[in-house]
PDB file of N, CA and C in Angstrom:
ATOM      1  N   UNK A   1      17.300  13.693  21.900  1.00  0.00           N
ATOM      2  CA  UNK A   1      17.129  13.274  20.534  1.00  0.00           C
ATOM      3  C   UNK A   1      16.077  12.169  20.476  1.00  0.00           C
ATOM      4  N   UNK A   2      15.624  11.849  19.293  1.00  0.00           N
ATOM      5  CA  UNK A   2      14.556  10.864  19.134  1.00  0.00           C
ATOM      6  C   UNK A   2      15.085   9.441  19.246  1.00  0.00           C
ATOM      7  N   UNK A   3      14.188   8.467  19.058  1.00  0.00           N
ATOM      8  CA  UNK A   3      14.516   7.060  19.247  1.00  0.00           C
ATOM      9  C   UNK A   3      15.453   6.480  18.196  1.00  0.00           C
ATOM     10  N   UNK A   4      15.270   6.802  16.917  1.00  0.00           N
ATOM     11  CA  UNK A   4      16.077   6.216  15.854  1.00  0.00           C
ATOM     12  C   UNK A   4      17.435   6.873  15.732  1.00  0.00           C
ATOM     13  N   UNK A   5      18.318   6.274  14.919  1.00  0.00           N
ATOM     14  CA  UNK A   5      19.617   6.907  14.683  1.00  0.00           C
ATOM     15  C   UNK A   5      19.417   8.319  14.140  1.00  0.00           C
ATOM     16  N   UNK A   6      20.126   9.268  14.706  1.00  0.00           N
ATOM     17  CA  UNK A   6      19.922  10.652  14.308  1.00  0.00           C
ATOM     18  C   UNK A   6      21.212  11.449  14.430  1.00  0.00           C
ATOM     19  N   UNK A   7      21.423  12.296  13.433  1.00  0.00           N
ATOM     20  CA  UNK A   7      22.536  13.238  13.420  1.00  0.00           C
ATOM     21  C   UNK A   7      21.934  14.634  13.448  1.00  0.00           C
ATOM     22  N   UNK A   8      22.469  15.496  14.287  1.00  0.00           N
ATOM     23  CA  UNK A   8      22.028  16.890  14.352  1.00  0.00           C
ATOM     24  C   UNK A   8      23.184  17.792  13.967  1.00  0.00           C
ATOM     25  N   UNK A   9      22.968  18.672  12.986  1.00  0.00           N
ATOM     26  CA  UNK A   9      23.978  19.619  12.515  1.00  0.00           C
ATOM     27  C   UNK A   9      23.473  21.031  12.796  1.00  0.00           C
ATOM     28  N   UNK A  10      24.291  21.859  13.432  1.00  0.00           N
ATOM     29  CA  UNK A  10      23.874  23.228  13.699  1.00  0.00           C
ATOM     30  C   UNK A  10      25.083  24.127  13.871  1.00  0.00           C
ATOM     31  N   UNK A  11      24.972  25.424  13.580  1.00  0.00           N
ATOM     32  CA  UNK A  11      23.792  26.052  12.982  1.00  0.00           C
ATOM     33  C   UNK A  11      23.661  25.643  11.518  1.00  0.00           C
ATOM     34  N   UNK A  12      22.473  25.665  11.034  1.00  0.00           N
ATOM     35  CA  UNK A  12      22.222  25.292   9.644  1.00  0.00           C
ATOM     36  C   UNK A  12      21.212  26.275   9.063  1.00  0.00           C
ATOM     37  N   UNK A  13      21.641  27.184   8.205  1.00  0.00           N
ATOM     38  CA  UNK A  13      22.922  27.207   7.482  1.00  0.00           C
ATOM     39  C   UNK A  13      24.076  27.677   8.363  1.00  0.00           C
ATOM     40  N   UNK A  14      25.273  27.224   7.994  1.00  0.00           N
ATOM     41  CA  UNK A  14      26.500  27.567   8.701  1.00  0.00           C
ATOM     42  C   UNK A  14      27.290  28.585   7.896  1.00  0.00           C
ATOM     43  N   UNK A  15      28.127  29.356   8.585  1.00  0.00           N
ATOM     44  CA  UNK A  15      28.994  30.310   7.891  1.00  0.00           C
ATOM     45  C   UNK A  15      30.474  30.018   8.126  1.00  0.00           C
ATOM     46  N   UNK A  16      30.853  29.666   9.360  1.00  0.00           N
ATOM     47  CA  UNK A  16      32.263  29.410   9.648  1.00  0.00           C
ATOM     48  C   UNK A  16      32.526  28.024  10.221  1.00  0.00           C
ATOM     49  N   UNK A  17      31.605  27.528  11.048  1.00  0.00           N
ATOM     50  CA  UNK A  17      31.778  26.189  11.613  1.00  0.00           C
ATOM     51  C   UNK A  17      30.418  25.540  11.821  1.00  0.00           C
ATOM     52  N   UNK A  18      30.461  24.226  11.928  1.00  0.00           N
ATOM     53  CA  UNK A  18      29.251  23.428  12.059  1.00  0.00           C
ATOM     54  C   UNK A  18      29.484  22.442  13.192  1.00  0.00           C
ATOM     55  N   UNK A  19      28.567  22.390  14.140  1.00  0.00           N
ATOM     56  CA  UNK A  19      28.665  21.421  15.222  1.00  0.00           C
ATOM     57  C   UNK A  19      27.800  20.217  14.883  1.00  0.00           C
ATOM     58  N   UNK A  20      28.330  19.024  15.178  1.00  0.00           N
ATOM     59  CA  UNK A  20      27.634  17.782  14.875  1.00  0.00           C
ATOM     60  C   UNK A  20      27.447  17.007  16.179  1.00  0.00           C
ATOM     61  N   UNK A  21      26.209  16.595  16.434  1.00  0.00           N
ATOM     62  CA  UNK A  21      25.903  15.727  17.574  1.00  0.00           C
ATOM     63  C   UNK A  21      25.125  14.535  17.054  1.00  0.00           C
ATOM     64  N   UNK A  22      25.283  13.389  17.714  1.00  0.00           N
ATOM     65  CA  UNK A  22      24.558  12.194  17.309  1.00  0.00           C
ATOM     66  C   UNK A  22      24.157  11.398  18.535  1.00  0.00           C
ATOM     67  N   UNK A  23      23.130  10.551  18.368  1.00  0.00           N
ATOM     68  CA  UNK A  23      22.614   9.798  19.503  1.00  0.00           C
ATOM     69  C   UNK A  23      23.317   8.453  19.661  1.00  0.00           C
ATOM     70  N   UNK A  24      22.929   7.717  20.688  1.00  0.00           N
ATOM     71  CA  UNK A  24      23.590   6.464  21.068  1.00  0.00           C
ATOM     72  C   UNK A  24      23.654   5.425  19.956  1.00  0.00           C
ATOM     73  N   UNK A  25      22.634   5.349  19.096  1.00  0.00           N
ATOM     74  CA  UNK A  25      22.638   4.340  18.043  1.00  0.00           C
ATOM     75  C   UNK A  25      23.782   4.535  17.064  1.00  0.00           C
ATOM     76  N   UNK A  26      24.341   5.720  17.014  1.00  0.00           N
ATOM     77  CA  UNK A  26      25.434   6.001  16.078  1.00  0.00           C
ATOM     78  C   UNK A  26      26.795   6.007  16.761  1.00  0.00           C
ATOM     79  N   UNK A  27      26.878   5.609  18.027  1.00  0.00           N
ATOM     80  CA  UNK A  27      28.143   5.630  18.765  1.00  0.00           C
ATOM     81  C   UNK A  27      29.249   4.791  18.156  1.00  0.00           C
ATOM     82  N   UNK A  28      28.961   3.709  17.415  1.00  0.00           N
ATOM     83  CA  UNK A  28      30.087   2.985  16.811  1.00  0.00           C
ATOM     84  C   UNK A  28      30.725   3.728  15.634  1.00  0.00           C
ATOM     85  N   UNK A  29      30.228   4.924  15.338  1.00  0.00           N
ATOM     86  CA  UNK A  29      30.784   5.680  14.206  1.00  0.00           C
ATOM     87  C   UNK A  29      32.265   5.946  14.425  1.00  0.00           C
ATOM     88  N   UNK A  30      33.043   5.785  13.375  1.00  0.00           N
ATOM     89  CA  UNK A  30      34.475   6.062  13.487  1.00  0.00           C
ATOM     90  C   UNK A  30      35.013   6.874  12.313  1.00  0.00           C
ATOM     91  N   UNK A  31      34.192   7.077  11.289  1.00  0.00           N
ATOM     92  CA  UNK A  31      34.631   7.849  10.116  1.00  0.00           C
ATOM     93  C   UNK A  31      33.516   8.803   9.718  1.00  0.00           C
ATOM     94  N   UNK A  32      33.881  10.025   9.386  1.00  0.00           N
ATOM     95  CA  UNK A  32      32.896  10.955   8.852  1.00  0.00           C
ATOM     96  C   UNK A  32      33.424  11.512   7.549  1.00  0.00           C
ATOM     97  N   UNK A  33      32.488  11.709   6.619  1.00  0.00           N
ATOM     98  CA  UNK A  33      32.819  12.230   5.294  1.00  0.00           C
ATOM     99  C   UNK A  33      31.844  13.343   4.970  1.00  0.00           C
ATOM    100  N   UNK A  34      32.372  14.444   4.416  1.00  0.00           N
ATOM    101  CA  UNK A  34      31.530  15.536   3.934  1.00  0.00           C
ATOM    102  C   UNK A  34      31.782  15.679   2.439  1.00  0.00           C
ATOM    103  N   UNK A  35      30.687  15.657   1.676  1.00  0.00           N
ATOM    104  CA  UNK A  35      30.759  15.850   0.228  1.00  0.00           C
ATOM    105  C   UNK A  35      29.911  17.044  -0.157  1.00  0.00           C
ATOM    106  N   UNK A  36      30.353  17.743  -1.204  1.00  0.00           N
ATOM    107  CA  UNK A  36      29.521  18.773  -1.798  1.00  0.00           C
ATOM    108  C   UNK A  36      28.383  18.103  -2.542  1.00  0.00           C
ATOM    109  N   UNK A  37      27.382  18.851  -2.901  1.00  0.00           N
ATOM    110  CA  UNK A  37      26.213  18.295  -3.575  1.00  0.00           C
ATOM    111  C   UNK A  37      26.584  17.680  -4.932  1.00  0.00           C
ATOM    112  N   UNK A  38      27.700  18.127  -5.516  1.00  0.00           N
ATOM    113  CA  UNK A  38      28.156  17.571  -6.790  1.00  0.00           C
ATOM    114  C   UNK A  38      28.982  16.298  -6.600  1.00  0.00           C
ATOM    115  N   UNK A  39      29.258  15.925  -5.339  1.00  0.00           N
ATOM    116  CA  UNK A  39      30.014  14.713  -5.058  1.00  0.00           C
ATOM    117  C   UNK A  39      31.445  14.951  -4.642  1.00  0.00           C
ATOM    118  N   UNK A  40      31.949  16.178  -4.787  1.00  0.00           N
ATOM    119  CA  UNK A  40      33.330  16.467  -4.405  1.00  0.00           C
ATOM    120  C   UNK A  40      33.512  16.250  -2.906  1.00  0.00           C
ATOM    121  N   UNK A  41      34.514  15.441  -2.547  1.00  0.00           N
ATOM    122  CA  UNK A  41      34.782  15.182  -1.134  1.00  0.00           C
ATOM    123  C   UNK A  41      35.503  16.377  -0.522  1.00  0.00           C
ATOM    124  N   UNK A  42      34.925  16.919   0.539  1.00  0.00           N
ATOM    125  CA  UNK A  42      35.491  18.073   1.223  1.00  0.00           C
ATOM    126  C   UNK A  42      36.393  17.653   2.376  1.00  0.00           C
ATOM    127  N   UNK A  43      35.982  16.617   3.108  1.00  0.00           N
ATOM    128  CA  UNK A  43      36.761  16.129   4.236  1.00  0.00           C
ATOM    129  C   UNK A  43      36.378  14.684   4.530  1.00  0.00           C
ATOM    130  N   UNK A  44      37.354  13.928   4.972  1.00  0.00           N
ATOM    131  CA  UNK A  44      37.153  12.558   5.442  1.00  0.00           C
ATOM    132  C   UNK A  44      38.112  12.372   6.605  1.00  0.00           C
ATOM    133  N   UNK A  45      37.575  12.020   7.765  1.00  0.00           N
ATOM    134  CA  UNK A  45      38.436  11.916   8.936  1.00  0.00           C
ATOM    135  C   UNK A  45      37.877  10.934   9.948  1.00  0.00           C
ATOM    136  N   UNK A  46      38.749  10.462  10.812  1.00  0.00           N
ATOM    137  CA  UNK A  46      38.331   9.609  11.921  1.00  0.00           C
ATOM    138  C   UNK A  46      37.654  10.460  12.974  1.00  0.00           C
ATOM    139  N   UNK A  47      36.696   9.863  13.668  1.00  0.00           N
ATOM    140  CA  UNK A  47      36.006  10.572  14.737  1.00  0.00           C
ATOM    141  C   UNK A  47      35.942   9.689  15.971  1.00  0.00           C
ATOM    142  N   UNK A  48      35.758  10.340  17.107  1.00  0.00           N
ATOM    143  CA  UNK A  48      35.541   9.613  18.351  1.00  0.00           C
ATOM    144  C   UNK A  48      34.195  10.072  18.888  1.00  0.00           C
ATOM    145  N   UNK A  49      33.942   9.850  20.137  1.00  0.00           N
ATOM    146  CA  UNK A  49      32.677  10.292  20.709  1.00  0.00           C
ATOM    147  C   UNK A  49      32.506  11.792  20.520  1.00  0.00           C
ATOM    148  N   UNK A  50      31.283  12.211  20.190  1.00  0.00           N
ATOM    149  CA  UNK A  50      30.973  13.598  19.862  1.00  0.00           C
ATOM    150  C   UNK A  50      30.971  14.491  21.073  1.00  0.00           C
ATOM    151  N   UNK A  51      30.616  15.736  20.914  1.00  0.00           N
ATOM    152  CA  UNK A  51      30.260  16.349  19.632  1.00  0.00           C
ATOM    153  C   UNK A  51      31.493  16.652  18.777  1.00  0.00           C
ATOM    154  N   UNK A  52      31.246  16.964  17.540  1.00  0.00           N
ATOM    155  CA  UNK A  52      32.287  17.208  16.553  1.00  0.00           C
ATOM    156  C   UNK A  52      32.068  18.593  15.966  1.00  0.00           C
ATOM    157  N   UNK A  53      33.141  19.310  15.664  1.00  0.00           N
ATOM    158  CA  UNK A  53      33.025  20.613  15.029  1.00  0.00           C
ATOM    159  C   UNK A  53      33.776  20.557  13.696  1.00  0.00           C
ATOM    160  N   UNK A  54      33.107  21.032  12.639  1.00  0.00           N
ATOM    161  CA  UNK A  54      33.691  21.050  11.294  1.00  0.00           C
ATOM    162  C   UNK A  54      33.881  22.502  10.870  1.00  0.00           C
ATOM    163  N   UNK A  55      35.090  22.835  10.443  1.00  0.00           N
ATOM    164  CA  UNK A  55      35.373  24.179   9.947  1.00  0.00           C
ATOM    165  C   UNK A  55      34.892  24.275   8.502  1.00  0.00           C
ATOM    166  N   UNK A  56      33.912  25.135   8.246  1.00  0.00           N
ATOM    167  CA  UNK A  56      33.374  25.307   6.899  1.00  0.00           C
ATOM    168  C   UNK A  56      33.669  26.698   6.344  1.00  0.00           C
ATOM    169  N   UNK A  57      34.578  27.428   6.993  1.00  0.00           N
ATOM    170  CA  UNK A  57      34.880  28.805   6.596  1.00  0.00           C
ATOM    171  C   UNK A  57      35.352  28.904   5.153  1.00  0.00           C
ATOM    172  N   UNK A  58      36.040  27.873   4.649  1.00  0.00           N
ATOM    173  CA  UNK A  58      36.556  27.912   3.279  1.00  0.00           C
ATOM    174  C   UNK A  58      35.662  27.203   2.274  1.00  0.00           C
ATOM    175  N   UNK A  59      34.505  26.713   2.701  1.00  0.00           N
ATOM    176  CA  UNK A  59      33.572  26.071   1.784  1.00  0.00           C
ATOM    177  C   UNK A  59      32.828  27.149   0.998  1.00  0.00           C
ATOM    178  N   UNK A  60      32.569  26.886  -0.270  1.00  0.00           N
ATOM    179  CA  UNK A  60      31.756  27.819  -1.052  1.00  0.00           C
ATOM    180  C   UNK A  60      30.301  27.644  -0.632  1.00  0.00           C
ATOM    181  N   UNK A  61      29.497  28.700  -0.733  1.00  0.00           N
ATOM    182  CA  UNK A  61      28.077  28.563  -0.372  1.00  0.00           C
ATOM    183  C   UNK A  61      27.416  27.450  -1.180  1.00  0.00           C
ATOM    184  N   UNK A  62      26.600  26.666  -0.505  1.00  0.00           N
ATOM    185  CA  UNK A  62      25.896  25.580  -1.172  1.00  0.00           C
ATOM    186  C   UNK A  62      25.438  24.524  -0.200  1.00  0.00           C
ATOM    187  N   UNK A  63      24.995  23.403  -0.739  1.00  0.00           N
ATOM    188  CA  UNK A  63      24.484  22.277   0.036  1.00  0.00           C
ATOM    189  C   UNK A  63      25.565  21.204   0.129  1.00  0.00           C
ATOM    190  N   UNK A  64      25.703  20.619   1.317  1.00  0.00           N
ATOM    191  CA  UNK A  64      26.705  19.580   1.577  1.00  0.00           C
ATOM    192  C   UNK A  64      26.051  18.391   2.261  1.00  0.00           C
ATOM    193  N   UNK A  65      26.667  17.223   2.120  1.00  0.00           N
ATOM    194  CA  UNK A  65      26.154  15.993   2.701  1.00  0.00           C
ATOM    195  C   UNK A  65      27.167  15.478   3.721  1.00  0.00           C
ATOM    196  N   UNK A  66      26.696  15.276   4.949  1.00  0.00           N
ATOM    197  CA  UNK A  66      27.510  14.729   6.038  1.00  0.00           C
ATOM    198  C   UNK A  66      27.089  13.278   6.247  1.00  0.00           C
ATOM    199  N   UNK A  67      28.077  12.354   6.283  1.00  0.00           N
ATOM    200  CA  UNK A  67      27.776  10.935   6.493  1.00  0.00           C
ATOM    201  C   UNK A  67      28.727  10.339   7.524  1.00  0.00           C
ATOM    202  N   UNK A  68      28.201   9.391   8.304  1.00  0.00           N
ATOM    203  CA  UNK A  68      28.990   8.690   9.315  1.00  0.00           C
ATOM    204  C   UNK A  68      29.016   7.207   8.986  1.00  0.00           C
ATOM    205  N   UNK A  69      30.193   6.585   9.180  1.00  0.00           N
ATOM    206  CA  UNK A  69      30.385   5.173   8.881  1.00  0.00           C
ATOM    207  C   UNK A  69      31.067   4.474  10.050  1.00  0.00           C
ATOM    208  N   UNK A  70      30.839   3.173  10.170  1.00  0.00           N
ATOM    209  CA  UNK A  70      31.549   2.371  11.164  1.00  0.00           C
ATOM    210  C   UNK A  70      32.962   2.096  10.650  1.00  0.00           C
ATOM    211  N   UNK A  71      33.777   1.490  11.488  1.00  0.00           N
ATOM    212  CA  UNK A  71      35.150   1.168  11.077  1.00  0.00           C
ATOM    213  C   UNK A  71      35.186   0.138   9.955  1.00  0.00           C
ATOM    214  N   UNK A  72      34.092  -0.599   9.757  1.00  0.00           N
ATOM    215  CA  UNK A  72      34.039  -1.588   8.670  1.00  0.00           C
ATOM    216  C   UNK A  72      33.414  -1.021   7.404  1.00  0.00           C
ATOM    217  N   UNK A  73      33.037   0.270   7.431  1.00  0.00           N
ATOM    218  CA  UNK A  73      32.491   0.908   6.246  1.00  0.00           C
ATOM    219  C   UNK A  73      30.975   0.903   6.152  1.00  0.00           C
ATOM    220  N   UNK A  74      30.297   0.421   7.191  1.00  0.00           N
ATOM    221  CA  UNK A  74      28.836   0.410   7.199  1.00  0.00           C
ATOM    222  C   UNK A  74      28.306   1.817   7.417  1.00  0.00           C
ATOM    223  N   UNK A  75      27.383   2.248   6.556  1.00  0.00           N
ATOM    224  CA  UNK A  75      26.765   3.566   6.699  1.00  0.00           C
ATOM    225  C   UNK A  75      25.885   3.565   7.940  1.00  0.00           C
ATOM    226  N   UNK A  76      26.070   4.570   8.816  1.00  0.00           N
ATOM    227  CA  UNK A  76      25.319   4.645  10.068  1.00  0.00           C
ATOM    228  C   UNK A  76      24.281   5.759  10.060  1.00  0.00           C
ATOM    229  N   UNK A  77      24.536   6.835   9.357  1.00  0.00           N
ATOM    230  CA  UNK A  77      23.597   7.947   9.344  1.00  0.00           C
ATOM    231  C   UNK A  77      24.232   9.186   8.761  1.00  0.00           C
ATOM    232  N   UNK A  78      23.407  10.183   8.544  1.00  0.00           N
ATOM    233  CA  UNK A  78      23.916  11.420   7.987  1.00  0.00           C
ATOM    234  C   UNK A  78      22.831  12.460   7.868  1.00  0.00           C
ATOM    235  N   UNK A  79      23.204  13.566   7.290  1.00  0.00           N
ATOM    236  CA  UNK A  79      22.277  14.686   7.111  1.00  0.00           C
ATOM    237  C   UNK A  79      22.884  15.649   6.098  1.00  0.00           C
ATOM    238  N   UNK A  80      22.054  16.555   5.605  1.00  0.00           N
ATOM    239  CA  UNK A  80      22.551  17.609   4.717  1.00  0.00           C
ATOM    240  C   UNK A  80      22.627  18.907   5.506  1.00  0.00           C
ATOM    241  N   UNK A  81      23.488  19.791   5.044  1.00  0.00           N
ATOM    242  CA  UNK A  81      23.577  21.112   5.637  1.00  0.00           C
ATOM    243  C   UNK A  81      23.913  22.126   4.558  1.00  0.00           C
ATOM    244  N   UNK A  82      23.693  23.372   4.872  1.00  0.00           N
ATOM    245  CA  UNK A  82      23.937  24.461   3.924  1.00  0.00           C
ATOM    246  C   UNK A  82      25.012  25.375   4.481  1.00  0.00           C
ATOM    247  N   UNK A  83      25.874  25.853   3.586  1.00  0.00           N
ATOM    248  CA  UNK A  83      26.859  26.882   3.931  1.00  0.00           C
ATOM    249  C   UNK A  83      26.437  28.153   3.213  1.00  0.00           C
ATOM    250  N   UNK A  84      26.354  29.228   3.964  1.00  0.00           N
ATOM    251  CA  UNK A  84      26.030  30.530   3.370  1.00  0.00           C
ATOM    252  C   UNK A  84      27.032  31.547   3.882  1.00  0.00           C
ATOM    253  N   UNK A  85      27.241  32.571   3.142  1.00  0.00           N
ATOM    254  CA  UNK A  85      28.213  33.616   3.526  1.00  0.00           C
ATOM    255  C   UNK A  85      27.529  34.946   3.650  1.00  0.00           C
TER     256      UNK A  85
END
């Protein structure tokens, strides 16, 4: 991965599951949140060292936003992904 904080989501677009990897700068991450493009929260959960797999089989096709936060609520990084069926 590159030098700056980075989140990698794949495959993108996803159909059933999405794998998430992140680099060392984001290691203090402890919470991840996925929202639909309209703002609806799809999932919020604690995380540990990656990689992480998210089940998107029940998500409707569209664009989603993945965000990672520290235990104190500081935004660490994120990315968008697409679900297609």
